[in-house]
Each structure stands twice: as structure tokens, then as C-alpha cells.
Amino acid sequence: MIPKESRNELALDTFIKGHPELIEEMKDLSHEDRQQQILWAFEDEAQSRGLEAWELALELIARSPEELAAMRREVHQEVAEALDMSWEEYCSFNDIAV
């Protein structure tokens, strides 16, 4: 599975490679401005698909449906822990099959 620390960067790289028109539009921007524009475009893409940005990131980088499911579960488990909820309670609240 792809390490958590690498996921966002890999997802943004994958996203921008799939949108060469954005690279052309941003060619005259500073590096910092390009990075911001890529992030905004990525967030807009996620919203247009009805996803959270983290969900789109996982979809772009997962190498298999099983890996995608494992990474999603991992994120949900982290959220449950942060909310101090039991896994079962969190799954019930969010309609997630255990």
C-alpha cells in the first residue's frame, strides 16, 4: 500500500498529468501559484464528482479496488479515533459496512 505521507503528492501529480491543458494555462505562473492552481483544480474536480478531495486522491492512486478499499477504511478508522468513537459506532453513524 502507498505510504500515507506520499499519497497527496502522488495524487496531485497523477491529476495534473491527466490535465495537460492546465499545465499550458499555468506556464507563466510562479511555482507557488502553479501549486495553488493545481490544488484548486483538484478540489474542483473532486467536488464535480461528488467526492471529498481525499476520496479523489485515493481513487487516483489506488492500484486496485482492494487497495482503494483498504486505504478508505484506514482513513475512516483514523477519523473514528480522532472523534473518540468506537469503530462500530462510527460505521453505524456513517452507514459503512463492517
PDB file of N, CA and C in Angstrom:
ATOM      1  N   MET A   1       0.847  -1.176   0.000  1.00  0.00           N
ATOM      2  CA  MET A   1       0.000   0.000   0.000  1.00  0.00           C
ATOM      3  C   MET A   1       0.894   1.242   0.000  1.00  0.00           C
ATOM      4  N   ILE A   2       0.418   2.284  -0.627  1.00  0.00           N
ATOM      5  CA  ILE A   2       1.175   3.527  -0.738  1.00  0.00           C
ATOM      6  C   ILE A   2       1.237   4.210   0.632  1.00  0.00           C
ATOM      7  N   PRO A   3       2.426   4.622   1.065  1.00  0.00           N
ATOM      8  CA  PRO A   3       2.547   5.279   2.366  1.00  0.00           C
ATOM      9  C   PRO A   3       1.702   6.558   2.436  1.00  0.00           C
ATOM     10  N   LYS A   4       1.111   6.791   3.598  1.00  0.00           N
ATOM     11  CA  LYS A   4       0.236   7.954   3.781  1.00  0.00           C
ATOM     12  C   LYS A   4       0.931   9.262   3.437  1.00  0.00           C
ATOM     13  N   GLU A   5       2.204   9.381   3.784  1.00  0.00           N
ATOM     14  CA  GLU A   5       2.921  10.628   3.558  1.00  0.00           C
ATOM     15  C   GLU A   5       3.066  10.974   2.075  1.00  0.00           C
ATOM     16  N   SER A   6       2.976   9.997   1.217  1.00  0.00           N
ATOM     17  CA  SER A   6       3.187  10.198  -0.221  1.00  0.00           C
ATOM     18  C   SER A   6       1.889  10.356  -1.011  1.00  0.00           C
ATOM     19  N   ARG A   7       0.770  10.072  -0.404  1.00  0.00           N
ATOM     20  CA  ARG A   7      -0.493   9.968  -1.145  1.00  0.00           C
ATOM     21  C   ARG A   7      -0.931  11.270  -1.807  1.00  0.00           C
ATOM     22  N   ASN A   8      -0.923  12.359  -1.067  1.00  0.00           N
ATOM     23  CA  ASN A   8      -1.419  13.613  -1.649  1.00  0.00           C
ATOM     24  C   ASN A   8      -0.556  14.083  -2.805  1.00  0.00           C
ATOM     25  N   GLU A   9       0.747  14.036  -2.622  1.00  0.00           N
ATOM     26  CA  GLU A   9       1.655  14.462  -3.682  1.00  0.00           C
ATOM     27  C   GLU A   9       1.491  13.586  -4.922  1.00  0.00           C
ATOM     28  N   LEU A  10       1.398  12.293  -4.733  1.00  0.00           N
ATOM     29  CA  LEU A  10       1.212  11.366  -5.846  1.00  0.00           C
ATOM     30  C   LEU A  10      -0.121  11.613  -6.554  1.00  0.00           C
ATOM     31  N   ALA A  11      -1.169  11.862  -5.771  1.00  0.00           N
ATOM     32  CA  ALA A  11      -2.481  12.124  -6.362  1.00  0.00           C
ATOM     33  C   ALA A  11      -2.472  13.410  -7.180  1.00  0.00           C
ATOM     34  N   LEU A  12      -1.844  14.459  -6.659  1.00  0.00           N
ATOM     35  CA  LEU A  12      -1.780  15.715  -7.414  1.00  0.00           C
ATOM     36  C   LEU A  12      -0.954  15.548  -8.682  1.00  0.00           C
ATOM     37  N   ASP A  13       0.149  14.805  -8.606  1.00  0.00           N
ATOM     38  CA  ASP A  13       0.958  14.529  -9.798  1.00  0.00           C
ATOM     39  C   ASP A  13       0.157  13.758 -10.839  1.00  0.00           C
ATOM     40  N   THR A  14      -0.569  12.752 -10.388  1.00  0.00           N
ATOM     41  CA  THR A  14      -1.404  11.953 -11.298  1.00  0.00           C
ATOM     42  C   THR A  14      -2.486  12.819 -11.919  1.00  0.00           C
ATOM     43  N   PHE A  15      -3.112  13.656 -11.099  1.00  0.00           N
ATOM     44  CA  PHE A  15      -4.174  14.537 -11.586  1.00  0.00           C
ATOM     45  C   PHE A  15      -3.657  15.477 -12.664  1.00  0.00           C
ATOM     46  N   ILE A  16      -2.555  16.159 -12.408  1.00  0.00           N
ATOM     47  CA  ILE A  16      -2.067  17.162 -13.357  1.00  0.00           C
ATOM     48  C   ILE A  16      -1.577  16.512 -14.652  1.00  0.00           C
ATOM     49  N   LYS A  17      -1.029  15.306 -14.564  1.00  0.00           N
ATOM     50  CA  LYS A  17      -0.599  14.601 -15.779  1.00  0.00           C
ATOM     51  C   LYS A  17      -1.791  14.253 -16.659  1.00  0.00           C
ATOM     52  N   GLY A  18      -2.954  14.109 -16.049  1.00  0.00           N
ATOM     53  CA  GLY A  18      -4.164  13.821 -16.805  1.00  0.00           C
ATOM     54  C   GLY A  18      -4.858  15.061 -17.345  1.00  0.00           C
ATOM     55  N   HIS A  19      -4.301  16.237 -17.029  1.00  0.00           N
ATOM     56  CA  HIS A  19      -4.887  17.505 -17.465  1.00  0.00           C
ATOM     57  C   HIS A  19      -3.805  18.417 -18.047  1.00  0.00           C
ATOM     58  N   PRO A  20      -3.232  18.029 -19.186  1.00  0.00           N
ATOM     59  CA  PRO A  20      -2.141  18.832 -19.769  1.00  0.00           C
ATOM     60  C   PRO A  20      -2.564  20.257 -20.123  1.00  0.00           C
ATOM     61  N   GLU A  21      -3.850  20.479 -20.336  1.00  0.00           N
ATOM     62  CA  GLU A  21      -4.309  21.829 -20.646  1.00  0.00           C
ATOM     63  C   GLU A  21      -4.075  22.779 -19.468  1.00  0.00           C
ATOM     64  N   LEU A  22      -4.120  22.255 -18.266  1.00  0.00           N
ATOM     65  CA  LEU A  22      -3.853  23.081 -17.088  1.00  0.00           C
ATOM     66  C   LEU A  22      -2.388  23.502 -17.037  1.00  0.00           C
ATOM     67  N   ILE A  23      -1.523  22.593 -17.401  1.00  0.00           N
ATOM     68  CA  ILE A  23      -0.090  22.902 -17.418  1.00  0.00           C
ATOM     69  C   ILE A  23       0.167  24.058 -18.388  1.00  0.00           C
ATOM     70  N   GLU A  24      -0.456  23.990 -19.543  1.00  0.00           N
ATOM     71  CA  GLU A  24      -0.288  25.044 -20.544  1.00  0.00           C
ATOM     72  C   GLU A  24      -0.833  26.374 -20.024  1.00  0.00           C
ATOM     73  N   GLU A  25      -1.998  26.354 -19.392  1.00  0.00           N
ATOM     74  CA  GLU A  25      -2.604  27.580 -18.865  1.00  0.00           C
ATOM     75  C   GLU A  25      -1.755  28.218 -17.768  1.00  0.00           C
ATOM     76  N   MET A  26      -1.006  27.409 -17.050  1.00  0.00           N
ATOM     77  CA  MET A  26      -0.260  27.906 -15.893  1.00  0.00           C
ATOM     78  C   MET A  26       1.222  28.140 -16.172  1.00  0.00           C
ATOM     79  N   LYS A  27       1.639  28.017 -17.393  1.00  0.00           N
ATOM     80  CA  LYS A  27       3.073  28.049 -17.690  1.00  0.00           C
ATOM     81  C   LYS A  27       3.763  29.346 -17.279  1.00  0.00           C
ATOM     82  N   ASP A  28       3.037  30.453 -17.228  1.00  0.00           N
ATOM     83  CA  ASP A  28       3.654  31.731 -16.880  1.00  0.00           C
ATOM     84  C   ASP A  28       3.553  32.070 -15.393  1.00  0.00           C
ATOM     85  N   LEU A  29       2.956  31.184 -14.608  1.00  0.00           N
ATOM     86  CA  LEU A  29       2.805  31.433 -13.175  1.00  0.00           C
ATOM     87  C   LEU A  29       4.059  31.003 -12.412  1.00  0.00           C
ATOM     88  N   SER A  30       4.236  31.578 -11.245  1.00  0.00           N
ATOM     89  CA  SER A  30       5.330  31.152 -10.379  1.00  0.00           C
ATOM     90  C   SER A  30       5.050  29.732  -9.900  1.00  0.00           C
ATOM     91  N   HIS A  31       6.063  29.086  -9.395  1.00  0.00           N
ATOM     92  CA  HIS A  31       5.902  27.716  -8.890  1.00  0.00           C
ATOM     93  C   HIS A  31       4.823  27.673  -7.810  1.00  0.00           C
ATOM     94  N   GLU A  32       4.884  28.614  -6.893  1.00  0.00           N
ATOM     95  CA  GLU A  32       3.905  28.650  -5.804  1.00  0.00           C
ATOM     96  C   GLU A  32       2.483  28.841  -6.334  1.00  0.00           C
ATOM     97  N   ASP A  33       2.310  29.737  -7.285  1.00  0.00           N
ATOM     98  CA  ASP A  33       0.979  29.966  -7.863  1.00  0.00           C
ATOM     99  C   ASP A  33       0.493  28.749  -8.648  1.00  0.00           C
ATOM    100  N   ARG A  34       1.402  28.064  -9.335  1.00  0.00           N
ATOM    101  CA  ARG A  34       1.026  26.839 -10.060  1.00  0.00           C
ATOM    102  C   ARG A  34       0.522  25.789  -9.086  1.00  0.00           C
ATOM    103  N   GLN A  35       1.248  25.614  -7.990  1.00  0.00           N
ATOM    104  CA  GLN A  35       0.845  24.629  -6.997  1.00  0.00           C
ATOM    105  C   GLN A  35      -0.544  24.949  -6.441  1.00  0.00           C
ATOM    106  N   GLN A  36      -0.820  26.212  -6.184  1.00  0.00           N
ATOM    107  CA  GLN A  36      -2.121  26.618  -5.667  1.00  0.00           C
ATOM    108  C   GLN A  36      -3.216  26.366  -6.701  1.00  0.00           C
ATOM    109  N   GLN A  37      -2.950  26.683  -7.955  1.00  0.00           N
ATOM    110  CA  GLN A  37      -3.929  26.473  -9.016  1.00  0.00           C
ATOM    111  C   GLN A  37      -4.215  24.983  -9.211  1.00  0.00           C
ATOM    112  N   ILE A  38      -3.192  24.154  -9.114  1.00  0.00           N
ATOM    113  CA  ILE A  38      -3.377  22.707  -9.232  1.00  0.00           C
ATOM    114  C   ILE A  38      -4.267  22.210  -8.100  1.00  0.00           C
ATOM    115  N   LEU A  39      -3.996  22.670  -6.898  1.00  0.00           N
ATOM    116  CA  LEU A  39      -4.790  22.262  -5.747  1.00  0.00           C
ATOM    117  C   LEU A  39      -6.249  22.678  -5.921  1.00  0.00           C
ATOM    118  N   TRP A  40      -6.486  23.899  -6.360  1.00  0.00           N
ATOM    119  CA  TRP A  40      -7.862  24.361  -6.574  1.00  0.00           C
ATOM    120  C   TRP A  40      -8.557  23.548  -7.665  1.00  0.00           C
ATOM    121  N   ALA A  41      -7.838  23.261  -8.747  1.00  0.00           N
ATOM    122  CA  ALA A  41      -8.423  22.468  -9.832  1.00  0.00           C
ATOM    123  C   ALA A  41      -8.748  21.061  -9.338  1.00  0.00           C
ATOM    124  N   PHE A  42      -7.867  20.504  -8.523  1.00  0.00           N
ATOM    125  CA  PHE A  42      -8.072  19.179  -7.950  1.00  0.00           C
ATOM    126  C   PHE A  42      -9.321  19.173  -7.066  1.00  0.00           C
ATOM    127  N   GLU A  43      -9.439  20.171  -6.202  1.00  0.00           N
ATOM    128  CA  GLU A  43     -10.606  20.267  -5.321  1.00  0.00           C
ATOM    129  C   GLU A  43     -11.890  20.463  -6.121  1.00  0.00           C
ATOM    130  N   ASP A  44     -11.822  21.260  -7.190  1.00  0.00           N
ATOM    131  CA  ASP A  44     -12.991  21.454  -8.060  1.00  0.00           C
ATOM    132  C   ASP A  44     -13.393  20.140  -8.732  1.00  0.00           C
ATOM    133  N   GLU A  45     -12.411  19.369  -9.172  1.00  0.00           N
ATOM    134  CA  GLU A  45     -12.680  18.073  -9.803  1.00  0.00           C
ATOM    135  C   GLU A  45     -13.365  17.136  -8.820  1.00  0.00           C
ATOM    136  N   ALA A  46     -12.852  17.095  -7.597  1.00  0.00           N
ATOM    137  CA  ALA A  46     -13.464  16.235  -6.576  1.00  0.00           C
ATOM    138  C   ALA A  46     -14.910  16.651  -6.347  1.00  0.00           C
ATOM    139  N   GLN A  47     -15.140  17.944  -6.194  1.00  0.00           N
ATOM    140  CA  GLN A  47     -16.492  18.438  -5.955  1.00  0.00           C
ATOM    141  C   GLN A  47     -17.415  18.098  -7.127  1.00  0.00           C
ATOM    142  N   SER A  48     -16.914  18.229  -8.345  1.00  0.00           N
ATOM    143  CA  SER A  48     -17.747  17.931  -9.513  1.00  0.00           C
ATOM    144  C   SER A  48     -18.128  16.451  -9.584  1.00  0.00           C
ATOM    145  N   ARG A  49     -17.325  15.593  -8.960  1.00  0.00           N
ATOM    146  CA  ARG A  49     -17.614  14.157  -8.910  1.00  0.00           C
ATOM    147  C   ARG A  49     -18.408  13.760  -7.666  1.00  0.00           C
ATOM    148  N   GLY A  50     -18.693  14.755  -6.817  1.00  0.00           N
ATOM    149  CA  GLY A  50     -19.427  14.470  -5.585  1.00  0.00           C
ATOM    150  C   GLY A  50     -18.567  13.786  -4.531  1.00  0.00           C
ATOM    151  N   LEU A  51     -17.275  14.060  -4.573  1.00  0.00           N
ATOM    152  CA  LEU A  51     -16.325  13.442  -3.645  1.00  0.00           C
ATOM    153  C   LEU A  51     -15.640  14.499  -2.797  1.00  0.00           C
ATOM    154  N   GLU A  52     -15.100  14.053  -1.690  1.00  0.00           N
ATOM    155  CA  GLU A  52     -14.175  14.877  -0.921  1.00  0.00           C
ATOM    156  C   GLU A  52     -12.818  14.757  -1.616  1.00  0.00           C
ATOM    157  N   ALA A  53     -11.964  15.746  -1.430  1.00  0.00           N
ATOM    158  CA  ALA A  53     -10.646  15.719  -2.078  1.00  0.00           C
ATOM    159  C   ALA A  53      -9.850  14.474  -1.690  1.00  0.00           C
ATOM    160  N   TRP A  54      -9.943  14.058  -0.432  1.00  0.00           N
ATOM    161  CA  TRP A  54      -9.186  12.874  -0.006  1.00  0.00           C
ATOM    162  C   TRP A  54      -9.680  11.619  -0.714  1.00  0.00           C
ATOM    163  N   GLU A  55     -10.984  11.574  -1.013  1.00  0.00           N
ATOM    164  CA  GLU A  55     -11.529  10.409  -1.718  1.00  0.00           C
ATOM    165  C   GLU A  55     -11.023  10.355  -3.155  1.00  0.00           C
ATOM    166  N   LEU A  56     -11.003  11.519  -3.820  1.00  0.00           N
ATOM    167  CA  LEU A  56     -10.467  11.568  -5.184  1.00  0.00           C
ATOM    168  C   LEU A  56      -8.996  11.182  -5.183  1.00  0.00           C
ATOM    169  N   ALA A  57      -8.259  11.666  -4.192  1.00  0.00           N
ATOM    170  CA  ALA A  57      -6.836  11.332  -4.106  1.00  0.00           C
ATOM    171  C   ALA A  57      -6.645   9.816  -4.047  1.00  0.00           C
ATOM    172  N   LEU A  58      -7.423   9.173  -3.199  1.00  0.00           N
ATOM    173  CA  LEU A  58      -7.290   7.717  -3.083  1.00  0.00           C
ATOM    174  C   LEU A  58      -7.689   7.015  -4.371  1.00  0.00           C
ATOM    175  N   GLU A  59      -8.742   7.493  -5.031  1.00  0.00           N
ATOM    176  CA  GLU A  59      -9.157   6.876  -6.291  1.00  0.00           C
ATOM    177  C   GLU A  59      -8.075   6.989  -7.361  1.00  0.00           C
ATOM    178  N   LEU A  60      -7.374   8.121  -7.371  1.00  0.00           N
ATOM    179  CA  LEU A  60      -6.343   8.326  -8.391  1.00  0.00           C
ATOM    180  C   LEU A  60      -5.102   7.473  -8.167  1.00  0.00           C
ATOM    181  N   ILE A  61      -4.811   7.157  -6.925  1.00  0.00           N
ATOM    182  CA  ILE A  61      -3.547   6.463  -6.659  1.00  0.00           C
ATOM    183  C   ILE A  61      -3.693   4.972  -6.376  1.00  0.00           C
ATOM    184  N   ALA A  62      -4.900   4.525  -6.076  1.00  0.00           N
ATOM    185  CA  ALA A  62      -5.085   3.103  -5.762  1.00  0.00           C
ATOM    186  C   ALA A  62      -4.731   2.242  -6.973  1.00  0.00           C
ATOM    187  N   ARG A  63      -4.019   1.175  -6.708  1.00  0.00           N
ATOM    188  CA  ARG A  63      -3.610   0.274  -7.784  1.00  0.00           C
ATOM    189  C   ARG A  63      -4.595  -0.855  -8.008  1.00  0.00           C
ATOM    190  N   SER A  64      -5.562  -0.961  -7.105  1.00  0.00           N
ATOM    191  CA  SER A  64      -6.583  -1.999  -7.248  1.00  0.00           C
ATOM    192  C   SER A  64      -7.786  -1.615  -6.398  1.00  0.00           C
ATOM    193  N   PRO A  65      -8.938  -2.195  -6.692  1.00  0.00           N
ATOM    194  CA  PRO A  65     -10.106  -1.927  -5.852  1.00  0.00           C
ATOM    195  C   PRO A  65      -9.880  -2.322  -4.393  1.00  0.00           C
ATOM    196  N   GLU A  66      -9.111  -3.368  -4.191  1.00  0.00           N
ATOM    197  CA  GLU A  66      -8.821  -3.817  -2.832  1.00  0.00           C
ATOM    198  C   GLU A  66      -7.956  -2.796  -2.084  1.00  0.00           C
ATOM    199  N   GLU A  67      -6.982  -2.242  -2.775  1.00  0.00           N
ATOM    200  CA  GLU A  67      -6.132  -1.228  -2.155  1.00  0.00           C
ATOM    201  C   GLU A  67      -6.942   0.030  -1.850  1.00  0.00           C
ATOM    202  N   LEU A  68      -7.823   0.413  -2.753  1.00  0.00           N
ATOM    203  CA  LEU A  68      -8.680   1.568  -2.522  1.00  0.00           C
ATOM    204  C   LEU A  68      -9.539   1.344  -1.285  1.00  0.00           C
ATOM    205  N   ALA A  69     -10.138   0.185  -1.175  1.00  0.00           N
ATOM    206  CA  ALA A  69     -10.974  -0.127  -0.013  1.00  0.00           C
ATOM    207  C   ALA A  69     -10.158  -0.094   1.280  1.00  0.00           C
ATOM    208  N   ALA A  70      -8.949  -0.621   1.234  1.00  0.00           N
ATOM    209  CA  ALA A  70      -8.090  -0.641   2.428  1.00  0.00           C
ATOM    210  C   ALA A  70      -7.693   0.778   2.836  1.00  0.00           C
ATOM    211  N   MET A  71      -7.359   1.618   1.871  1.00  0.00           N
ATOM    212  CA  MET A  71      -6.969   2.991   2.190  1.00  0.00           C
ATOM    213  C   MET A  71      -8.167   3.784   2.722  1.00  0.00           C
ATOM    214  N   ARG A  72      -9.348   3.579   2.130  1.00  0.00           N
ATOM    215  CA  ARG A  72     -10.550   4.253   2.634  1.00  0.00           C
ATOM    216  C   ARG A  72     -10.841   3.845   4.075  1.00  0.00           C
ATOM    217  N   ARG A  73     -10.758   2.562   4.330  1.00  0.00           N
ATOM    218  CA  ARG A  73     -11.009   2.050   5.678  1.00  0.00           C
ATOM    219  C   ARG A  73     -10.020   2.666   6.668  1.00  0.00           C
ATOM    220  N   GLU A  74      -8.765   2.739   6.261  1.00  0.00           N
ATOM    221  CA  GLU A  74      -7.730   3.317   7.113  1.00  0.00           C
ATOM    222  C   GLU A  74      -8.069   4.772   7.475  1.00  0.00           C
ATOM    223  N   VAL A  75      -8.495   5.550   6.495  1.00  0.00           N
ATOM    224  CA  VAL A  75      -8.867   6.950   6.749  1.00  0.00           C
ATOM    225  C   VAL A  75     -10.062   7.014   7.688  1.00  0.00           C
ATOM    226  N   HIS A  76     -11.060   6.203   7.423  1.00  0.00           N
ATOM    227  CA  HIS A  76     -12.246   6.208   8.281  1.00  0.00           C
ATOM    228  C   HIS A  76     -11.898   5.796   9.713  1.00  0.00           C
ATOM    229  N   GLN A  77     -11.009   4.834   9.862  1.00  0.00           N
ATOM    230  CA  GLN A  77     -10.604   4.412  11.211  1.00  0.00           C
ATOM    231  C   GLN A  77      -9.879   5.541  11.944  1.00  0.00           C
ATOM    232  N   GLU A  78      -9.069   6.293  11.218  1.00  0.00           N
ATOM    233  CA  GLU A  78      -8.375   7.433  11.826  1.00  0.00           C
ATOM    234  C   GLU A  78      -9.376   8.499  12.273  1.00  0.00           C
ATOM    235  N   VAL A  79     -10.390   8.735  11.459  1.00  0.00           N
ATOM    236  CA  VAL A  79     -11.419   9.716  11.826  1.00  0.00           C
ATOM    237  C   VAL A  79     -12.187   9.240  13.054  1.00  0.00           C
ATOM    238  N   ALA A  80     -12.536   7.974  13.076  1.00  0.00           N
ATOM    239  CA  ALA A  80     -13.245   7.418  14.235  1.00  0.00           C
ATOM    240  C   ALA A  80     -12.419   7.611  15.503  1.00  0.00           C
ATOM    241  N   GLU A  81     -11.133   7.335  15.420  1.00  0.00           N
ATOM    242  CA  GLU A  81     -10.252   7.513  16.574  1.00  0.00           C
ATOM    243  C   GLU A  81     -10.187   8.978  16.991  1.00  0.00           C
ATOM    244  N   ALA A  82     -10.062   9.877  16.006  1.00  0.00           N
ATOM    245  CA  ALA A  82      -9.987  11.307  16.311  1.00  0.00           C
ATOM    246  C   ALA A  82     -11.272  11.799  16.983  1.00  0.00           C
ATOM    247  N   LEU A  83     -12.396  11.204  16.612  1.00  0.00           N
ATOM    248  CA  LEU A  83     -13.686  11.581  17.192  1.00  0.00           C
ATOM    249  C   LEU A  83     -13.969  10.826  18.484  1.00  0.00           C
ATOM    250  N   ASP A  84     -13.052   9.955  18.864  1.00  0.00           N
ATOM    251  CA  ASP A  84     -13.190   9.128  20.059  1.00  0.00           C
ATOM    252  C   ASP A  84     -14.474   8.295  20.008  1.00  0.00           C
ATOM    253  N   MET A  85     -14.714   7.719  18.819  1.00  0.00           N
ATOM    254  CA  MET A  85     -15.875   6.848  18.623  1.00  0.00           C
ATOM    255  C   MET A  85     -15.378   5.426  18.432  1.00  0.00           C
ATOM    256  N   SER A  86     -16.172   4.487  18.857  1.00  0.00           N
ATOM    257  CA  SER A  86     -15.828   3.099  18.560  1.00  0.00           C
ATOM    258  C   SER A  86     -15.993   2.893  17.059  1.00  0.00           C
ATOM    259  N   TRP A  87     -15.268   1.921  16.535  1.00  0.00           N
ATOM    260  CA  TRP A  87     -15.351   1.631  15.104  1.00  0.00           C
ATOM    261  C   TRP A  87     -16.780   1.248  14.719  1.00  0.00           C
ATOM    262  N   GLU A  88     -17.428   0.446  15.526  1.00  0.00           N
ATOM    263  CA  GLU A  88     -18.795   0.019  15.238  1.00  0.00           C
ATOM    264  C   GLU A  88     -19.750   1.209  15.232  1.00  0.00           C
ATOM    265  N   GLU A  89     -19.618   2.093  16.217  1.00  0.00           N
ATOM    266  CA  GLU A  89     -20.472   3.284  16.292  1.00  0.00           C
ATOM    267  C   GLU A  89     -20.246   4.186  15.079  1.00  0.00           C
ATOM    268  N   TYR A  90     -18.996   4.383  14.728  1.00  0.00           N
ATOM    269  CA  TYR A  90     -18.655   5.218  13.572  1.00  0.00           C
ATOM    270  C   TYR A  90     -19.250   4.631  12.294  1.00  0.00           C
ATOM    271  N   CYS A  91     -19.080   3.329  12.102  1.00  0.00           N
ATOM    272  CA  CYS A  91     -19.610   2.670  10.906  1.00  0.00           C
ATOM    273  C   CYS A  91     -21.130   2.793  10.843  1.00  0.00           C
ATOM    274  N   SER A  92     -21.778   2.610  11.957  1.00  0.00           N
ATOM    275  CA  SER A  92     -23.233   2.735  12.010  1.00  0.00           C
ATOM    276  C   SER A  92     -23.666   4.151  11.663  1.00  0.00           C
ATOM    277  N   PHE A  93     -22.990   5.122  12.233  1.00  0.00           N
ATOM    278  CA  PHE A  93     -23.306   6.534  12.013  1.00  0.00           C
ATOM    279  C   PHE A  93     -23.106   6.944  10.555  1.00  0.00           C
ATOM    280  N   ASN A  94     -22.094   6.372   9.910  1.00  0.00           N
ATOM    281  CA  ASN A  94     -21.727   6.737   8.532  1.00  0.00           C
ATOM    282  C   ASN A  94     -22.176   5.714   7.494  1.00  0.00           C
ATOM    283  N   ASP A  95     -23.001   4.755   7.914  1.00  0.00           N
ATOM    284  CA  ASP A  95     -23.528   3.746   7.008  1.00  0.00           C
ATOM    285  C   ASP A  95     -22.411   3.015   6.259  1.00  0.00           C
ATOM    286  N   ILE A  96     -21.430   2.547   7.021  1.00  0.00           N
ATOM    287  CA  ILE A  96     -20.300   1.795   6.464  1.00  0.00           C
ATOM    288  C   ILE A  96     -20.440   0.348   6.897  1.00  0.00           C
ATOM    289  N   ALA A  97     -20.344  -0.560   5.953  1.00  0.00           N
ATOM    290  CA  ALA A  97     -20.431  -1.986   6.272  1.00  0.00           C
ATOM    291  C   ALA A  97     -19.161  -2.415   6.999  1.00  0.00           C
ATOM    292  N   VAL A  98     -19.332  -3.109   8.100  1.00  0.00           N
ATOM    293  CA  VAL A  98     -18.178  -3.542   8.902  1.00  0.00           C
ATOM    294  C   VAL A  98     -17.577  -4.784   8.319  1.00  0.00           C
TER     295      VAL A  98
END
